[in-house]
Amino acid sequence: MKELKNVATRIAMLPRSFNQSGTKSMKTLLSETGYSEVKELLSVSEIKESLRTNPECVSEWLQYSEDKRVESGWYFRQTSGGCTVGKRARNGRHVSEQSFPDALDACAVFIKQEVESIAT
């Protein structure tokens, strides 16, 4: 589905859009991608395919995650063995954490979780 691929690509580029806009929130930018129309269909695999086409987005999502600097929510970071995606509760404790040897896999999982979190 062409529309799904277009939305996935726009979502993969959200950190860039956020940095360029200067005034729009991530929630507003996410709504402008068309996410709400395809959220039930958007898979980690679809996001990963968009990242494969736009690999520079991985470093942009890493920077976005680093810049969030919040006590709770999803995070994405590089580690010595690859990348980690996790979630912290409001009390700062880790709710979940998963390691990935491949940055594309980790980034796609992070994006899926992060956009679901932003949309709610």
Protein backbone atom coordinates (compact mmCIF):
# COMPACT_ATOMS: atom_id res chain seq x y z
CA MET A 1 0.00 0.00 0.00
CA LYS A 2 1.62 3.18 -1.25
CA GLU A 3 -0.02 5.44 1.33
CA LEU A 4 1.28 3.28 4.18
CA LYS A 5 4.84 3.52 2.82
CA ASN A 6 4.52 7.30 2.51
CA VAL A 7 3.29 7.63 6.08
CA ALA A 8 6.07 5.35 7.35
CA THR A 9 8.64 7.50 5.56
CA ARG A 10 7.19 10.71 7.00
CA ILE A 11 7.24 9.13 10.45
CA ALA A 12 10.86 8.04 10.00
CA MET A 13 11.70 11.67 9.29
CA LEU A 14 9.84 13.15 12.27
CA PRO A 15 12.95 14.25 14.22
CA ARG A 16 14.14 16.18 11.17
CA SER A 17 10.72 17.79 10.76
CA PHE A 18 10.69 18.63 14.47
CA ASN A 19 14.09 20.31 14.28
CA GLN A 20 13.19 22.21 11.11
CA SER A 21 9.79 23.42 12.29
CA GLY A 22 10.99 24.98 15.51
CA THR A 23 7.43 25.68 16.66
CA LYS A 24 5.40 22.51 16.11
CA SER A 25 5.13 19.77 18.70
CA MET A 26 5.88 16.15 17.88
CA LYS A 27 2.19 15.41 18.40
CA THR A 28 1.21 17.98 15.76
CA LEU A 29 3.86 16.75 13.34
CA LEU A 30 2.78 13.15 13.89
CA SER A 31 -0.81 14.04 13.08
CA GLU A 32 0.38 15.71 9.86
CA THR A 33 1.99 12.44 8.69
CA GLY A 34 -1.37 10.70 8.32
CA TYR A 35 -0.53 8.29 11.13
CA SER A 36 -4.05 8.20 12.54
CA GLU A 37 -5.40 6.79 9.26
CA VAL A 38 -2.90 3.91 9.14
CA LYS A 39 -1.90 3.30 12.76
CA GLU A 40 -3.53 -0.15 12.85
CA LEU A 41 -1.59 -1.16 9.72
CA LEU A 42 1.76 0.41 10.54
CA SER A 43 4.17 -2.32 11.60
CA VAL A 44 7.74 -2.37 12.83
CA SER A 45 8.63 -4.03 9.50
CA GLU A 46 7.12 -1.16 7.52
CA ILE A 47 9.02 1.37 9.62
CA LYS A 48 12.24 -0.62 9.23
CA GLU A 49 11.83 -0.59 5.45
CA SER A 50 11.56 3.20 5.53
CA LEU A 51 14.70 3.36 7.66
CA ARG A 52 16.53 1.09 5.24
CA THR A 53 15.74 3.64 2.51
CA ASN A 54 16.65 6.57 4.79
CA PRO A 55 19.39 5.24 7.12
CA GLU A 56 20.38 8.73 8.27
CA CYS A 57 17.10 8.79 10.21
CA VAL A 58 18.52 6.30 12.73
CA SER A 59 21.05 8.83 14.04
CA GLU A 60 18.33 11.49 14.07
CA TRP A 61 16.12 9.27 16.26
CA LEU A 62 19.09 8.52 18.54
CA GLN A 63 19.61 12.27 18.96
CA TYR A 64 15.88 12.86 19.48
CA SER A 65 15.82 10.22 22.23
CA GLU A 66 18.87 11.76 23.89
CA ASP A 67 17.39 15.25 23.69
CA LYS A 68 14.09 14.22 25.30
CA ARG A 69 15.69 14.18 28.76
CA VAL A 70 12.56 13.01 30.52
CA GLU A 71 12.24 10.78 33.55
CA SER A 72 9.67 8.48 31.98
CA GLY A 73 8.84 7.15 28.54
CA TRP A 74 10.58 5.33 25.73
CA TYR A 75 14.28 5.68 24.99
CA PHE A 76 16.69 4.51 22.31
CA ARG A 77 20.44 4.48 22.75
CA GLN A 78 23.59 2.97 21.33
CA THR A 79 25.52 0.48 23.41
CA SER A 80 28.79 -1.32 22.94
CA GLY A 81 26.95 -4.35 21.54
CA GLY A 82 24.41 -2.52 19.37
CA CYS A 83 21.38 -0.58 20.58
CA THR A 84 18.90 -0.66 23.43
CA VAL A 85 15.24 0.29 23.46
CA GLY A 86 13.50 0.63 26.77
CA LYS A 87 10.83 2.32 28.78
CA ARG A 88 11.02 4.03 32.13
CA ALA A 89 8.05 4.46 34.45
CA ARG A 90 7.27 7.80 36.09
CA ASN A 91 9.33 6.75 39.10
CA GLY A 92 12.39 6.37 36.84
CA ARG A 93 12.51 2.58 37.08
CA HIS A 94 12.93 0.52 33.95
CA VAL A 95 9.67 -1.12 32.90
CA SER A 96 11.24 -2.90 29.97
CA GLU A 97 14.48 -2.95 28.07
CA GLN A 98 15.52 -4.88 24.98
CA SER A 99 18.91 -5.08 23.28
CA PHE A 100 19.40 -5.30 19.52
CA PRO A 101 22.56 -6.01 17.56
CA ASP A 102 21.12 -4.10 14.58
CA ALA A 103 20.41 -0.36 14.85
CA LEU A 104 17.67 -0.48 12.19
CA ASP A 105 15.74 -3.09 14.17
CA ALA A 106 16.11 -1.12 17.40
CA CYS A 107 15.16 2.17 15.81
CA ALA A 108 12.06 0.71 14.16
CA VAL A 109 10.88 -0.73 17.49
CA PHE A 110 11.57 2.59 19.23
CA ILE A 111 9.70 4.58 16.58
CA LYS A 112 6.66 2.29 16.79
CA GLN A 113 6.53 2.62 20.59
CA GLU A 114 7.29 6.34 20.61
CA VAL A 115 4.63 7.31 18.04
CA GLU A 116 2.03 5.20 19.85
CA SER A 117 2.97 7.01 23.04
CA ILE A 118 2.84 10.44 21.39
CA ALA A 119 -0.52 9.73 19.76
CA THR A 120 -2.24 8.88 23.06
